[in-house]
């Protein structure tokens, strides 16, 4: 799958909706919405390889998909007028076997590319940074950071990364792929809503 990622405005008088993810399924697309303080973070999920076809159909095809899946957000979608407002996320998930060499440590996306499923990538990158700071601060202050210190960061962080990537892969294979292969309308699966609402549940 790939994702079109964009913001939609909150309209005057719009009620607040508790955090988490919601949206719907229809026409071989999944529309996901995450509430932010003053806007909606939105994603339109579609099968990998269809971007050129979607782009050729114009931004109106994105607005049309939104209106089809979640009609109440059709007015919000009118704010999408140009492809510059939309970012393509090419979904992949991978992990470097070795995150460090003498004098070098990889963390975040440099060490492990995360699927956007659940929107947890930034959380795990920050956790990498926190562990790195805790493990390396003393060595950095003394000017003696060993390869063993760098390896300890990977040791502490690699297992949580493996777990979350496995969970993402399961959701993508068992739930998202099925939704993208049907034109039938429906709600975002509860497993995906729960996972996005509780990104650390894995």
N, C-alpha and C. Protein backbone atom coordinates (compact mmCIF):
# COMPACT_ATOMS: atom_id res chain seq x y z
N UNK A 1 0.84 -1.19 0.00
CA UNK A 1 0.00 0.00 0.00
C UNK A 1 0.88 1.24 0.00
N UNK A 2 0.29 2.35 -0.44
CA UNK A 2 0.88 3.67 -0.30
C UNK A 2 -0.17 4.59 0.29
N UNK A 3 0.26 5.77 0.73
CA UNK A 3 -0.65 6.69 1.42
C UNK A 3 -0.46 8.11 0.90
N UNK A 4 -1.56 8.78 0.64
CA UNK A 4 -1.55 10.23 0.42
C UNK A 4 -1.81 10.87 1.79
N UNK A 5 -0.94 11.76 2.20
CA UNK A 5 -0.96 12.33 3.55
C UNK A 5 -1.19 13.83 3.42
N UNK A 6 -2.19 14.36 4.11
CA UNK A 6 -2.52 15.78 3.95
C UNK A 6 -3.31 16.27 5.16
N UNK A 7 -3.42 17.59 5.24
CA UNK A 7 -4.21 18.21 6.30
C UNK A 7 -5.55 18.66 5.76
N UNK A 8 -6.56 18.56 6.60
CA UNK A 8 -7.86 19.14 6.30
C UNK A 8 -8.20 20.12 7.42
N UNK A 9 -8.83 21.25 7.07
CA UNK A 9 -9.12 22.25 8.11
C UNK A 9 -10.28 21.81 9.00
N UNK A 10 -10.27 22.32 10.21
CA UNK A 10 -11.46 22.20 11.06
C UNK A 10 -12.37 23.36 10.71
N UNK A 11 -13.64 23.06 10.57
CA UNK A 11 -14.60 24.08 10.17
C UNK A 11 -15.23 24.73 11.39
N UNK A 12 -15.66 25.98 11.27
CA UNK A 12 -16.27 26.67 12.42
C UNK A 12 -17.44 25.87 12.99
N UNK A 13 -17.47 25.79 14.32
CA UNK A 13 -18.57 25.11 14.99
C UNK A 13 -18.47 23.60 14.99
N UNK A 14 -17.37 23.08 14.47
CA UNK A 14 -17.21 21.63 14.39
C UNK A 14 -16.97 21.06 15.79
N UNK A 15 -17.71 20.01 16.16
CA UNK A 15 -17.51 19.45 17.50
C UNK A 15 -16.18 18.74 17.62
N UNK A 16 -15.62 18.77 18.82
CA UNK A 16 -14.38 18.04 19.05
C UNK A 16 -14.68 16.56 19.14
N UNK A 17 -13.79 15.75 18.60
CA UNK A 17 -13.93 14.30 18.66
C UNK A 17 -12.71 13.76 19.37
N UNK A 18 -12.93 12.90 20.36
CA UNK A 18 -11.81 12.37 21.14
C UNK A 18 -10.76 11.77 20.23
N UNK A 19 -9.50 11.86 20.64
CA UNK A 19 -8.38 11.41 19.82
C UNK A 19 -8.50 9.97 19.35
N UNK A 20 -7.53 9.55 18.57
CA UNK A 20 -7.57 8.23 17.97
C UNK A 20 -7.76 8.34 16.47
N UNK A 21 -8.12 7.27 15.84
CA UNK A 21 -8.30 7.25 14.39
C UNK A 21 -9.71 6.85 14.05
N UNK A 22 -10.24 7.45 13.02
CA UNK A 22 -11.52 7.02 12.49
C UNK A 22 -11.53 7.34 11.01
N UNK A 23 -12.56 6.95 10.34
CA UNK A 23 -12.65 7.13 8.90
C UNK A 23 -13.49 6.01 8.32
N UNK A 24 -13.17 5.61 7.11
CA UNK A 24 -13.97 4.57 6.49
C UNK A 24 -13.27 3.94 5.30
N UNK A 25 -13.98 3.00 4.70
CA UNK A 25 -13.47 2.22 3.58
C UNK A 25 -14.46 2.31 2.44
N UNK A 26 -13.97 2.40 1.22
CA UNK A 26 -14.84 2.40 0.06
C UNK A 26 -14.07 2.55 -1.23
N UNK A 27 -14.54 1.91 -2.28
CA UNK A 27 -13.92 2.06 -3.59
C UNK A 27 -12.47 1.63 -3.64
N UNK A 28 -12.08 0.65 -2.81
CA UNK A 28 -10.70 0.22 -2.80
C UNK A 28 -9.75 1.20 -2.15
N UNK A 29 -10.28 2.07 -1.29
CA UNK A 29 -9.50 3.07 -0.57
C UNK A 29 -9.84 3.00 0.91
N UNK A 30 -8.91 3.45 1.75
CA UNK A 30 -9.16 3.64 3.17
C UNK A 30 -8.88 5.10 3.48
N UNK A 31 -9.83 5.75 4.13
CA UNK A 31 -9.67 7.15 4.52
C UNK A 31 -9.53 7.19 6.04
N UNK A 32 -8.41 7.71 6.51
CA UNK A 32 -8.11 7.76 7.94
C UNK A 32 -8.01 9.22 8.38
N UNK A 33 -8.57 9.52 9.55
CA UNK A 33 -8.48 10.86 10.11
C UNK A 33 -7.95 10.79 11.53
N UNK A 34 -7.01 11.66 11.83
CA UNK A 34 -6.48 11.81 13.18
C UNK A 34 -6.73 13.25 13.61
N UNK A 35 -7.32 13.44 14.78
CA UNK A 35 -7.61 14.80 15.23
C UNK A 35 -6.38 15.45 15.82
N UNK A 36 -6.09 16.64 15.35
CA UNK A 36 -5.06 17.48 15.93
C UNK A 36 -5.77 18.69 16.58
N UNK A 37 -5.01 19.56 17.21
CA UNK A 37 -5.65 20.67 17.93
C UNK A 37 -6.50 21.56 17.03
N UNK A 38 -5.95 21.95 15.88
CA UNK A 38 -6.66 22.91 15.04
C UNK A 38 -6.81 22.45 13.59
N UNK A 39 -6.59 21.16 13.34
CA UNK A 39 -6.78 20.63 11.99
C UNK A 39 -6.96 19.12 12.07
N UNK A 40 -7.33 18.53 10.95
CA UNK A 40 -7.41 17.08 10.83
C UNK A 40 -6.20 16.59 10.04
N UNK A 41 -5.48 15.62 10.57
CA UNK A 41 -4.43 14.95 9.80
C UNK A 41 -5.11 13.79 9.08
N UNK A 42 -5.00 13.76 7.78
CA UNK A 42 -5.75 12.77 7.00
C UNK A 42 -4.82 11.95 6.11
N UNK A 43 -5.26 10.73 5.88
CA UNK A 43 -4.53 9.84 4.98
C UNK A 43 -5.49 9.08 4.10
N UNK A 44 -5.15 8.97 2.84
CA UNK A 44 -5.93 8.17 1.90
C UNK A 44 -5.03 7.02 1.46
N UNK A 45 -5.40 5.81 1.88
CA UNK A 45 -4.59 4.61 1.63
C UNK A 45 -5.09 3.94 0.35
N UNK A 46 -4.15 3.52 -0.50
CA UNK A 46 -4.52 2.89 -1.76
C UNK A 46 -3.47 1.84 -2.12
N UNK A 47 -3.79 0.90 -3.00
CA UNK A 47 -2.83 -0.16 -3.34
C UNK A 47 -1.56 0.40 -3.99
N UNK A 48 -0.45 -0.17 -3.64
CA UNK A 48 0.84 0.26 -4.21
C UNK A 48 0.81 0.09 -5.73
N UNK A 49 1.35 1.08 -6.42
CA UNK A 49 1.41 1.02 -7.88
C UNK A 49 0.33 1.83 -8.57
N UNK A 50 -0.61 2.41 -7.79
CA UNK A 50 -1.71 3.15 -8.39
C UNK A 50 -1.53 4.67 -8.33
N UNK A 51 -0.37 5.13 -7.83
CA UNK A 51 -0.22 6.57 -7.64
C UNK A 51 -0.29 7.35 -8.94
N UNK A 52 0.40 6.87 -9.98
CA UNK A 52 0.40 7.62 -11.24
C UNK A 52 -1.01 7.76 -11.81
N UNK A 53 -1.78 6.71 -11.70
CA UNK A 53 -3.17 6.74 -12.16
C UNK A 53 -3.98 7.74 -11.35
N UNK A 54 -3.77 7.73 -10.03
CA UNK A 54 -4.49 8.65 -9.14
C UNK A 54 -4.08 10.09 -9.42
N UNK A 55 -2.79 10.31 -9.60
CA UNK A 55 -2.29 11.66 -9.86
C UNK A 55 -2.82 12.18 -11.18
N UNK A 56 -2.86 11.31 -12.18
CA UNK A 56 -3.34 11.73 -13.50
C UNK A 56 -4.81 12.14 -13.46
N UNK A 57 -5.56 11.56 -12.54
CA UNK A 57 -6.99 11.89 -12.42
C UNK A 57 -7.22 13.23 -11.74
N UNK A 58 -6.16 13.79 -11.13
CA UNK A 58 -6.27 15.11 -10.53
C UNK A 58 -6.68 15.09 -9.07
N UNK A 59 -6.48 16.23 -8.40
CA UNK A 59 -6.82 16.36 -6.99
C UNK A 59 -8.30 16.10 -6.76
N UNK A 60 -9.11 16.38 -7.77
CA UNK A 60 -10.55 16.15 -7.61
C UNK A 60 -10.86 14.68 -7.35
N UNK A 61 -9.98 13.78 -7.82
CA UNK A 61 -10.21 12.36 -7.54
C UNK A 61 -10.01 12.05 -6.06
N UNK A 62 -9.10 12.78 -5.42
CA UNK A 62 -8.90 12.63 -3.97
C UNK A 62 -10.12 13.16 -3.24
N UNK A 63 -10.60 14.34 -3.65
CA UNK A 63 -11.79 14.90 -3.02
C UNK A 63 -12.98 13.97 -3.20
N UNK A 64 -13.10 13.38 -4.38
CA UNK A 64 -14.21 12.47 -4.66
C UNK A 64 -14.15 11.23 -3.79
N UNK A 65 -12.95 10.68 -3.58
CA UNK A 65 -12.80 9.51 -2.72
C UNK A 65 -13.21 9.83 -1.29
N UNK A 66 -12.80 11.00 -0.81
CA UNK A 66 -13.16 11.41 0.54
C UNK A 66 -14.67 11.54 0.68
N UNK A 67 -15.29 12.20 -0.30
CA UNK A 67 -16.74 12.40 -0.26
C UNK A 67 -17.49 11.08 -0.32
N UNK A 68 -16.95 10.12 -1.06
CA UNK A 68 -17.59 8.82 -1.17
C UNK A 68 -17.51 8.04 0.14
N UNK A 69 -16.34 8.10 0.77
CA UNK A 69 -16.12 7.30 1.98
C UNK A 69 -16.70 7.98 3.22
N UNK A 70 -16.45 9.27 3.38
CA UNK A 70 -16.93 10.03 4.55
C UNK A 70 -17.58 11.32 4.07
N UNK A 71 -18.86 11.26 3.66
CA UNK A 71 -19.53 12.43 3.09
C UNK A 71 -19.48 13.67 3.97
N UNK A 72 -19.47 13.50 5.30
CA UNK A 72 -19.45 14.69 6.17
C UNK A 72 -18.14 15.47 6.05
N UNK A 73 -17.10 14.84 5.45
CA UNK A 73 -15.84 15.55 5.28
C UNK A 73 -15.66 16.08 3.85
N UNK A 74 -16.69 15.97 3.03
CA UNK A 74 -16.62 16.54 1.68
C UNK A 74 -16.36 18.05 1.72
N UNK A 75 -17.02 18.81 2.63
CA UNK A 75 -16.71 20.24 2.69
C UNK A 75 -15.26 20.53 3.07
N UNK A 76 -14.70 19.72 3.96
CA UNK A 76 -13.31 19.91 4.35
C UNK A 76 -12.39 19.67 3.16
N UNK A 77 -12.74 18.65 2.36
CA UNK A 77 -11.90 18.26 1.23
C UNK A 77 -11.84 19.33 0.15
N UNK A 78 -12.80 20.25 0.14
CA UNK A 78 -12.77 21.33 -0.85
C UNK A 78 -11.52 22.19 -0.70
N UNK A 79 -10.85 22.12 0.47
CA UNK A 79 -9.63 22.90 0.67
C UNK A 79 -8.46 22.34 -0.12
N UNK A 80 -8.58 21.11 -0.61
CA UNK A 80 -7.51 20.50 -1.41
C UNK A 80 -7.63 20.99 -2.85
N UNK A 81 -6.73 21.85 -3.25
CA UNK A 81 -6.80 22.43 -4.59
C UNK A 81 -5.57 22.13 -5.44
N UNK A 82 -4.51 21.61 -4.81
CA UNK A 82 -3.24 21.45 -5.52
C UNK A 82 -2.49 20.26 -4.95
N UNK A 83 -1.75 19.56 -5.81
CA UNK A 83 -0.98 18.40 -5.35
C UNK A 83 0.12 18.79 -4.37
N UNK A 84 0.51 20.07 -4.34
CA UNK A 84 1.53 20.51 -3.38
C UNK A 84 1.04 20.37 -1.94
N UNK A 85 -0.27 20.28 -1.76
CA UNK A 85 -0.83 20.12 -0.41
C UNK A 85 -0.80 18.66 0.05
N UNK A 86 -0.42 17.77 -0.84
CA UNK A 86 -0.50 16.34 -0.57
C UNK A 86 0.88 15.71 -0.67
N UNK A 87 1.21 14.87 0.29
CA UNK A 87 2.49 14.16 0.29
C UNK A 87 2.25 12.68 0.06
N UNK A 88 3.04 12.11 -0.83
CA UNK A 88 2.97 10.66 -1.06
C UNK A 88 3.91 9.96 -0.09
N UNK A 89 3.37 9.03 0.69
CA UNK A 89 4.18 8.18 1.55
C UNK A 89 4.25 6.80 0.90
N UNK A 90 5.41 6.46 0.42
CA UNK A 90 5.61 5.13 -0.15
C UNK A 90 5.89 4.18 1.00
N UNK A 91 4.98 3.30 1.27
CA UNK A 91 5.04 2.49 2.48
C UNK A 91 6.03 1.35 2.34
N UNK A 92 6.93 1.27 3.30
CA UNK A 92 7.82 0.13 3.39
C UNK A 92 8.20 -0.04 4.85
N UNK A 93 8.73 -1.18 5.17
CA UNK A 93 9.16 -1.45 6.54
C UNK A 93 10.44 -2.27 6.46
N UNK A 94 11.50 -1.76 7.06
CA UNK A 94 12.77 -2.47 7.01
C UNK A 94 13.60 -2.10 8.24
N UNK A 95 14.68 -2.82 8.42
CA UNK A 95 15.51 -2.62 9.61
C UNK A 95 16.95 -2.95 9.27
N UNK A 96 17.88 -2.07 9.63
CA UNK A 96 19.31 -2.35 9.42
C UNK A 96 19.75 -3.46 10.37
N UNK A 97 20.55 -4.40 9.89
CA UNK A 97 21.04 -5.44 10.79
C UNK A 97 22.02 -4.88 11.83
N UNK A 98 22.76 -3.84 11.47
CA UNK A 98 23.73 -3.24 12.39
C UNK A 98 23.53 -1.73 12.39
N UNK A 99 23.29 -1.16 13.57
CA UNK A 99 22.99 0.26 13.68
C UNK A 99 24.22 1.11 13.98
N UNK A 100 25.35 0.51 14.13
CA UNK A 100 26.50 1.28 14.61
C UNK A 100 27.82 0.79 14.01
N UNK A 101 28.74 1.74 13.93
CA UNK A 101 30.15 1.48 13.64
C UNK A 101 30.92 2.43 14.54
N UNK A 102 32.21 2.26 14.70
CA UNK A 102 32.95 3.19 15.56
C UNK A 102 32.72 4.65 15.16
N UNK A 103 32.20 5.43 16.09
CA UNK A 103 31.93 6.84 15.83
C UNK A 103 30.61 7.13 15.14
N UNK A 104 29.78 6.09 14.90
CA UNK A 104 28.53 6.28 14.17
C UNK A 104 27.41 5.47 14.82
N UNK A 105 26.26 6.11 15.02
CA UNK A 105 25.08 5.42 15.54
C UNK A 105 23.87 5.83 14.72
N UNK A 106 23.12 4.86 14.21
CA UNK A 106 21.89 5.13 13.48
C UNK A 106 20.71 4.95 14.43
N UNK A 107 19.76 5.89 14.39
CA UNK A 107 18.52 5.75 15.14
C UNK A 107 17.37 6.25 14.26
N UNK A 108 16.15 6.03 14.71
CA UNK A 108 14.98 6.48 13.96
C UNK A 108 14.94 5.85 12.58
N UNK A 109 14.49 6.62 11.60
CA UNK A 109 14.34 6.10 10.23
C UNK A 109 15.65 5.63 9.62
N UNK A 110 16.77 6.15 10.10
CA UNK A 110 18.06 5.71 9.57
C UNK A 110 18.33 4.26 9.94
N UNK A 111 17.80 3.81 11.09
CA UNK A 111 18.03 2.44 11.56
C UNK A 111 16.88 1.51 11.20
N UNK A 112 15.66 2.06 11.19
CA UNK A 112 14.48 1.21 10.96
C UNK A 112 13.37 2.03 10.31
N UNK A 113 13.08 1.74 9.07
CA UNK A 113 11.99 2.43 8.36
C UNK A 113 10.68 1.80 8.81
N UNK A 114 9.75 2.65 9.26
CA UNK A 114 8.50 2.16 9.82
C UNK A 114 7.35 2.37 8.85
N UNK A 115 6.43 1.42 8.82
CA UNK A 115 5.17 1.61 8.12
C UNK A 115 4.39 2.70 8.85
N UNK A 116 3.55 3.48 8.14
CA UNK A 116 2.74 4.48 8.83
C UNK A 116 1.56 3.89 9.58
N UNK A 117 1.35 2.58 9.52
CA UNK A 117 0.24 1.95 10.23
C UNK A 117 0.35 2.27 11.71
N UNK A 118 -0.68 2.93 12.23
CA UNK A 118 -0.68 3.30 13.64
C UNK A 118 -0.03 4.63 13.94
N UNK A 119 0.69 5.20 12.96
CA UNK A 119 1.31 6.50 13.16
C UNK A 119 2.31 6.53 14.31
N UNK A 120 3.11 5.46 14.49
CA UNK A 120 3.99 5.36 15.65
C UNK A 120 5.45 5.66 15.35
N UNK A 121 5.78 5.95 14.10
CA UNK A 121 7.19 6.12 13.72
C UNK A 121 7.91 7.17 14.55
N UNK A 122 7.29 8.34 14.73
CA UNK A 122 7.94 9.41 15.49
C UNK A 122 8.12 9.03 16.94
N UNK A 123 7.14 8.29 17.50
CA UNK A 123 7.25 7.85 18.90
C UNK A 123 8.48 6.96 19.09
N UNK A 124 8.68 6.04 18.16
CA UNK A 124 9.79 5.11 18.30
C UNK A 124 11.12 5.78 18.03
N UNK A 125 11.14 6.78 17.16
CA UNK A 125 12.37 7.54 16.93
C UNK A 125 12.76 8.32 18.19
N UNK A 126 11.77 8.90 18.85
CA UNK A 126 12.04 9.64 20.09
C UNK A 126 12.54 8.70 21.17
N UNK A 127 11.93 7.50 21.25
CA UNK A 127 12.39 6.52 22.23
C UNK A 127 13.84 6.11 21.96
N UNK A 128 14.19 5.98 20.67
CA UNK A 128 15.59 5.70 20.32
C UNK A 128 16.50 6.80 20.88
N UNK A 129 16.08 8.05 20.69
CA UNK A 129 16.90 9.17 21.13
C UNK A 129 17.06 9.19 22.65
N UNK A 130 15.98 8.88 23.36
CA UNK A 130 16.03 8.87 24.83
C UNK A 130 16.99 7.79 25.32
N UNK A 131 16.88 6.59 24.76
CA UNK A 131 17.78 5.50 25.15
C UNK A 131 19.22 5.87 24.81
N UNK A 132 19.42 6.45 23.63
CA UNK A 132 20.78 6.86 23.23
C UNK A 132 21.36 7.84 24.24
N UNK A 133 20.56 8.82 24.64
CA UNK A 133 21.04 9.82 25.60
C UNK A 133 21.38 9.16 26.94
N UNK A 134 20.52 8.27 27.40
CA UNK A 134 20.76 7.61 28.69
C UNK A 134 22.01 6.74 28.66
N UNK A 135 22.21 6.04 27.54
CA UNK A 135 23.34 5.11 27.45
C UNK A 135 24.66 5.84 27.19
N UNK A 136 24.62 6.91 26.40
CA UNK A 136 25.87 7.50 25.90
C UNK A 136 26.34 8.76 26.63
N UNK A 137 25.48 9.35 27.45
CA UNK A 137 25.84 10.64 28.05
C UNK A 137 27.16 10.60 28.81
N UNK A 138 27.32 9.60 29.67
CA UNK A 138 28.54 9.53 30.47
C UNK A 138 29.77 9.39 29.58
N UNK A 139 29.68 8.52 28.57
CA UNK A 139 30.81 8.34 27.67
C UNK A 139 31.12 9.58 26.86
N UNK A 140 30.08 10.28 26.43
CA UNK A 140 30.30 11.51 25.66
C UNK A 140 30.98 12.58 26.52
N UNK A 141 30.57 12.65 27.79
CA UNK A 141 31.19 13.65 28.68
C UNK A 141 32.66 13.35 28.92
N UNK A 142 32.99 12.07 28.99
CA UNK A 142 34.38 11.70 29.25
C UNK A 142 35.21 11.60 27.98
N UNK A 143 34.53 11.67 26.82
CA UNK A 143 35.23 11.55 25.56
C UNK A 143 35.58 10.12 25.21
N UNK A 144 34.90 9.16 25.84
CA UNK A 144 35.20 7.75 25.59
C UNK A 144 33.89 6.99 25.37
N UNK A 145 33.40 7.01 24.15
CA UNK A 145 32.23 6.21 23.77
C UNK A 145 32.74 4.99 23.03
N UNK A 146 32.49 3.82 23.59
CA UNK A 146 33.00 2.59 22.99
C UNK A 146 31.99 2.01 22.02
N UNK A 147 32.47 1.09 21.19
CA UNK A 147 31.57 0.38 20.29
C UNK A 147 30.55 -0.42 21.09
N UNK A 148 30.94 -0.87 22.27
CA UNK A 148 30.01 -1.58 23.14
C UNK A 148 28.88 -0.69 23.61
N UNK A 149 29.18 0.59 23.85
CA UNK A 149 28.12 1.54 24.23
C UNK A 149 27.11 1.70 23.10
N UNK A 150 27.62 1.83 21.88
CA UNK A 150 26.74 1.97 20.73
C UNK A 150 25.91 0.71 20.54
N UNK A 151 26.53 -0.43 20.72
CA UNK A 151 25.81 -1.70 20.58
C UNK A 151 24.71 -1.84 21.63
N UNK A 152 24.93 -1.26 22.81
CA UNK A 152 23.93 -1.34 23.88
C UNK A 152 22.65 -0.59 23.49
N UNK A 153 22.79 0.52 22.76
CA UNK A 153 21.60 1.23 22.28
C UNK A 153 20.78 0.31 21.38
N UNK A 154 21.43 -0.34 20.43
CA UNK A 154 20.71 -1.25 19.55
C UNK A 154 20.11 -2.41 20.34
N UNK A 155 20.85 -2.93 21.32
CA UNK A 155 20.34 -4.05 22.10
C UNK A 155 19.04 -3.69 22.82
N UNK A 156 18.98 -2.48 23.37
CA UNK A 156 17.79 -2.07 24.11
C UNK A 156 16.61 -1.74 23.19
N UNK A 157 16.91 -1.27 21.99
CA UNK A 157 15.84 -0.77 21.12
C UNK A 157 15.40 -1.76 20.05
N UNK A 158 16.22 -2.72 19.70
CA UNK A 158 15.89 -3.58 18.57
C UNK A 158 14.66 -4.45 18.83
N UNK A 159 14.52 -4.99 20.02
CA UNK A 159 13.37 -5.86 20.29
C UNK A 159 12.04 -5.10 20.18
N UNK A 160 11.87 -3.90 20.81
CA UNK A 160 10.62 -3.16 20.62
C UNK A 160 10.33 -2.85 19.15
N UNK A 161 11.38 -2.56 18.39
CA UNK A 161 11.20 -2.27 16.96
C UNK A 161 10.72 -3.51 16.23
N UNK A 162 11.30 -4.66 16.53
CA UNK A 162 10.87 -5.91 15.89
C UNK A 162 9.40 -6.19 16.20
N UNK A 163 9.00 -5.97 17.44
CA UNK A 163 7.62 -6.25 17.85
C UNK A 163 6.65 -5.34 17.11
N UNK A 164 6.94 -4.04 17.08
CA UNK A 164 6.00 -3.10 16.45
C UNK A 164 5.94 -3.33 14.94
N UNK A 165 7.07 -3.64 14.31
CA UNK A 165 7.05 -3.89 12.88
C UNK A 165 6.27 -5.17 12.57
N UNK A 166 6.37 -6.17 13.42
CA UNK A 166 5.59 -7.40 13.22
C UNK A 166 4.11 -7.12 13.35
N UNK A 167 3.74 -6.28 14.33
CA UNK A 167 2.33 -5.92 14.51
C UNK A 167 1.82 -5.15 13.31
N UNK A 168 2.61 -4.20 12.83
CA UNK A 168 2.22 -3.44 11.65
C UNK A 168 2.04 -4.36 10.44
N UNK A 169 2.97 -5.28 10.26
CA UNK A 169 2.90 -6.21 9.13
C UNK A 169 1.65 -7.07 9.21
N UNK A 170 1.30 -7.53 10.40
CA UNK A 170 0.10 -8.34 10.58
C UNK A 170 -1.15 -7.55 10.19
N UNK A 171 -1.24 -6.31 10.70
CA UNK A 171 -2.40 -5.48 10.38
C UNK A 171 -2.49 -5.21 8.89
N UNK A 172 -1.33 -4.98 8.27
CA UNK A 172 -1.34 -4.66 6.84
C UNK A 172 -1.77 -5.86 6.01
N UNK A 173 -1.26 -7.05 6.36
CA UNK A 173 -1.59 -8.25 5.58
C UNK A 173 -3.03 -8.72 5.82
N UNK A 174 -3.45 -8.74 7.07
CA UNK A 174 -4.71 -9.36 7.42
C UNK A 174 -5.91 -8.43 7.34
N UNK A 175 -5.70 -7.14 7.51
CA UNK A 175 -6.83 -6.22 7.60
C UNK A 175 -6.82 -5.20 6.47
N UNK A 176 -5.71 -4.49 6.32
CA UNK A 176 -5.67 -3.40 5.34
C UNK A 176 -5.73 -3.94 3.92
N UNK A 177 -4.99 -5.02 3.64
CA UNK A 177 -4.98 -5.58 2.28
C UNK A 177 -6.39 -6.00 1.86
N UNK A 178 -7.13 -6.60 2.79
CA UNK A 178 -8.50 -7.00 2.47
C UNK A 178 -9.39 -5.81 2.17
N UNK A 179 -9.22 -4.74 2.94
CA UNK A 179 -10.02 -3.54 2.72
C UNK A 179 -9.72 -2.90 1.37
N UNK A 180 -8.46 -2.95 0.95
CA UNK A 180 -8.08 -2.33 -0.32
C UNK A 180 -8.51 -3.17 -1.51
N UNK A 181 -8.82 -4.42 -1.28
CA UNK A 181 -9.21 -5.31 -2.37
C UNK A 181 -10.72 -5.44 -2.52
N UNK A 182 -11.46 -4.58 -1.86
CA UNK A 182 -12.91 -4.61 -1.99
C UNK A 182 -13.43 -3.21 -2.27
N UNK A 183 -14.46 -3.14 -3.07
CA UNK A 183 -15.11 -1.85 -3.34
C UNK A 183 -16.21 -1.59 -2.34
N UNK A 184 -16.48 -2.54 -1.46
CA UNK A 184 -17.57 -2.44 -0.50
C UNK A 184 -17.26 -1.38 0.55
N UNK A 185 -18.27 -0.59 0.90
CA UNK A 185 -18.11 0.45 1.91
C UNK A 185 -18.09 -0.18 3.30
N UNK A 186 -17.41 0.49 4.23
CA UNK A 186 -17.36 0.00 5.60
C UNK A 186 -16.61 0.97 6.48
N UNK A 187 -16.52 0.61 7.75
CA UNK A 187 -15.78 1.43 8.71
C UNK A 187 -14.34 0.96 8.81
N UNK A 188 -13.49 1.84 9.31
CA UNK A 188 -12.11 1.45 9.57
C UNK A 188 -12.14 0.33 10.60
N UNK A 189 -11.46 -0.79 10.35
CA UNK A 189 -11.48 -1.91 11.29
C UNK A 189 -11.12 -1.47 12.71
N UNK A 190 -11.82 -2.03 13.70
CA UNK A 190 -11.60 -1.62 15.10
C UNK A 190 -10.17 -1.88 15.54
N UNK A 191 -9.53 -2.92 14.98
CA UNK A 191 -8.16 -3.21 15.38
C UNK A 191 -7.23 -2.06 15.01
N UNK A 192 -7.47 -1.48 13.83
CA UNK A 192 -6.62 -0.38 13.38
C UNK A 192 -6.91 0.88 14.18
N UNK A 193 -8.20 1.12 14.50
CA UNK A 193 -8.53 2.30 15.32
C UNK A 193 -7.91 2.16 16.70
N UNK A 194 -7.99 0.99 17.29
CA UNK A 194 -7.43 0.77 18.62
C UNK A 194 -5.93 0.94 18.59
N UNK A 195 -5.28 0.41 17.55
CA UNK A 195 -3.83 0.48 17.45
C UNK A 195 -3.37 1.92 17.32
N UNK A 196 -4.10 2.72 16.55
CA UNK A 196 -3.72 4.12 16.36
C UNK A 196 -3.99 4.94 17.63
N UNK A 197 -5.04 4.56 18.35
CA UNK A 197 -5.37 5.28 19.58
C UNK A 197 -4.39 4.96 20.68
N UNK A 198 -3.84 3.74 20.67
CA UNK A 198 -2.91 3.27 21.68
C UNK A 198 -1.63 2.79 21.02
N UNK A 199 -0.82 3.70 20.48
CA UNK A 199 0.31 3.29 19.66
C UNK A 199 1.36 2.49 20.40
N UNK A 200 1.36 2.51 21.73
CA UNK A 200 2.35 1.77 22.48
C UNK A 200 1.82 0.44 22.97
N UNK A 201 0.62 0.02 22.46
CA UNK A 201 0.00 -1.20 22.95
C UNK A 201 0.84 -2.43 22.59
N UNK A 202 1.67 -2.32 21.55
CA UNK A 202 2.50 -3.47 21.18
C UNK A 202 3.71 -3.59 22.09
